[in-house]
Amino acid sequence: MKIIVDSKESAQNKATCQMLLNATIENLPEGDIIVENDDGKRWVFERKTWGDAYSSWQSKRMQEQISRLVASAPRTFLIVEGSPRDIFTANQNQVRSLQQFFNRVSSEVLPVVYTESLDETIRYIRSHSLR
């Protein structure tokens, strides 16, 4: 089992993933974390905070990024960390629209997983890598 974290992640996130997931750091063309098993199967995870997801969704970058992510691997996941309350620049209608977008993506394109923090994301990745 190999876990790879994108070199463009923050220094703190890389260090945490190295310590808790025994991850290696590499420049990844798509996704933030890759889990690769001994049979060569790969799972690609894209991490977004709610604030980052909202900004990417508003500018239409999120849709393009999801398209590239899905094209890069057969098993892809979008992980959204934190809480919708973390979006300070959006009103309730905009937050609901983003949630509806995530629901559609989850039912039609790739699973959307919600975690409260990087620590919970790491627990999810770890449990996923053991399956």
Protein backbone atom coordinates (compact mmCIF):
# COMPACT_ATOMS: atom_id res chain seq x y z
CA MET A 1 0.00 0.00 0.00
CA LYS A 2 1.30 3.41 -0.96
CA ILE A 3 -0.17 6.79 -0.01
CA ILE A 4 0.99 9.87 -1.89
CA VAL A 5 0.25 13.48 -0.92
CA ASP A 6 0.53 16.33 -3.40
CA SER A 7 3.61 18.50 -2.98
CA LYS A 8 1.41 21.61 -3.39
CA GLU A 9 -0.35 20.96 -0.06
CA SER A 10 0.62 23.18 2.86
CA ALA A 11 3.73 22.25 4.83
CA GLN A 12 1.60 21.46 7.88
CA ASN A 13 -0.77 19.22 5.92
CA LYS A 14 2.12 17.37 4.27
CA ALA A 15 3.84 16.83 7.63
CA THR A 16 0.61 15.59 9.23
CA CYS A 17 -0.04 13.16 6.35
CA GLN A 18 3.54 11.92 6.42
CA MET A 19 3.33 11.27 10.13
CA LEU A 20 -0.17 9.78 10.33
CA LEU A 21 -0.43 8.04 6.96
CA ASN A 22 3.24 7.28 6.31
CA ALA A 23 2.69 9.14 3.05
CA THR A 24 5.25 10.12 0.48
CA ILE A 25 5.21 13.57 -1.08
CA GLU A 26 5.10 13.95 -4.86
CA ASN A 27 3.85 16.43 -7.42
CA LEU A 28 0.43 15.09 -8.43
CA PRO A 29 -1.18 16.19 -11.70
CA GLU A 30 -4.69 15.72 -10.25
CA GLY A 31 -5.98 15.25 -6.72
CA ASP A 32 -4.43 15.89 -3.34
CA ILE A 33 -4.02 12.33 -2.05
CA ILE A 34 -3.61 9.04 -3.90
CA VAL A 35 -3.95 5.61 -2.33
CA GLU A 36 -2.44 2.83 -4.40
CA ASN A 37 -2.70 -0.81 -3.36
CA ASP A 38 -0.27 -3.59 -4.14
CA ASP A 39 -2.40 -4.66 -7.14
CA GLY A 40 -1.98 -1.24 -8.75
CA LYS A 41 -5.52 0.00 -8.04
CA ARG A 42 -5.58 3.74 -7.38
CA TRP A 43 -8.00 5.95 -5.51
CA VAL A 44 -7.65 9.69 -6.02
CA PHE A 45 -8.97 12.11 -3.39
CA GLU A 46 -9.46 15.84 -3.87
CA ARG A 47 -9.70 17.82 -0.60
CA LYS A 48 -11.58 21.10 -0.32
CA THR A 49 -12.55 23.23 2.63
CA TRP A 50 -16.05 24.64 2.36
CA GLY A 51 -14.62 28.11 1.70
CA ASP A 52 -12.30 26.87 -1.03
CA ALA A 53 -15.08 24.74 -2.52
CA TYR A 54 -17.41 27.74 -2.61
CA SER A 55 -14.80 29.95 -4.28
CA SER A 56 -13.98 27.24 -6.85
CA TRP A 57 -17.67 26.60 -7.51
CA GLN A 58 -18.47 30.30 -7.96
CA SER A 59 -15.68 30.72 -10.52
CA LYS A 60 -16.59 27.42 -12.30
CA ARG A 61 -13.13 26.00 -11.53
CA MET A 62 -14.72 23.23 -9.43
CA GLN A 63 -16.58 21.78 -12.41
CA GLU A 64 -13.40 21.76 -14.53
CA GLN A 65 -11.36 20.26 -11.71
CA ILE A 66 -13.89 17.47 -11.14
CA SER A 67 -13.90 16.68 -14.86
CA ARG A 68 -10.10 16.39 -14.91
CA LEU A 69 -10.13 14.36 -11.70
CA VAL A 70 -12.65 11.83 -13.03
CA ALA A 71 -10.72 11.52 -16.30
CA SER A 72 -7.49 10.80 -14.39
CA ALA A 73 -8.60 7.67 -12.51
CA PRO A 74 -11.54 5.27 -12.28
CA ARG A 75 -11.91 5.69 -8.49
CA THR A 76 -12.15 9.31 -7.39
CA PHE A 77 -13.55 11.10 -4.35
CA LEU A 78 -14.20 14.69 -3.38
CA ILE A 79 -13.68 15.35 0.33
CA VAL A 80 -15.22 18.53 1.74
CA GLU A 81 -13.75 19.51 5.11
CA GLY A 82 -15.30 21.68 7.76
CA SER A 83 -18.78 23.15 7.87
CA PRO A 84 -20.90 25.25 5.52
CA ARG A 85 -20.74 27.87 8.30
CA ASP A 86 -17.07 28.30 7.30
CA ILE A 87 -18.18 30.16 4.15
CA PHE A 88 -18.19 33.77 5.26
CA THR A 89 -18.88 35.39 1.89
CA ALA A 90 -22.05 33.48 0.93
CA ASN A 91 -25.66 33.88 1.86
CA GLN A 92 -27.92 30.93 2.74
CA ASN A 93 -29.27 30.59 -0.82
CA GLN A 94 -25.74 30.35 -2.22
CA VAL A 95 -24.75 27.76 0.39
CA ARG A 96 -27.89 25.72 -0.44
CA SER A 97 -27.03 25.92 -4.14
CA LEU A 98 -23.52 24.64 -3.44
CA GLN A 99 -24.96 21.79 -1.35
CA GLN A 100 -27.32 20.92 -4.21
CA PHE A 101 -24.34 20.92 -6.58
CA PHE A 102 -22.52 18.49 -4.26
CA ASN A 103 -25.61 16.26 -4.08
CA ARG A 104 -25.83 16.14 -7.88
CA VAL A 105 -22.10 15.45 -8.22
CA SER A 106 -22.36 12.68 -5.62
CA SER A 107 -25.24 10.98 -7.42
CA GLU A 108 -23.99 11.43 -10.98
CA VAL A 109 -20.19 11.78 -11.01
CA LEU A 110 -18.17 10.81 -7.92
CA PRO A 111 -18.71 10.33 -4.19
CA VAL A 112 -18.64 13.47 -2.08
CA VAL A 113 -17.46 12.77 1.47
CA TYR A 114 -17.89 15.28 4.28
CA THR A 115 -15.38 15.47 7.14
CA GLU A 116 -15.03 17.96 9.97
CA SER A 117 -11.24 18.40 9.79
CA LEU A 118 -7.98 17.22 8.28
CA ASP A 119 -7.71 14.72 11.13
CA GLU A 120 -11.06 13.19 10.21
CA THR A 121 -10.04 13.18 6.54
CA ILE A 122 -6.89 11.28 7.48
CA ARG A 123 -8.96 8.75 9.45
CA TYR A 124 -11.19 8.30 6.40
CA ILE A 125 -8.20 7.85 4.06
CA ARG A 126 -6.59 5.40 6.49
CA SER A 127 -9.77 3.33 6.84
CA HIS A 128 -10.25 3.42 3.07
CA SER A 129 -6.69 2.21 2.48
CA LEU A 130 -7.32 -0.81 4.72
CA ARG A 131 -10.31 -2.06 2.70
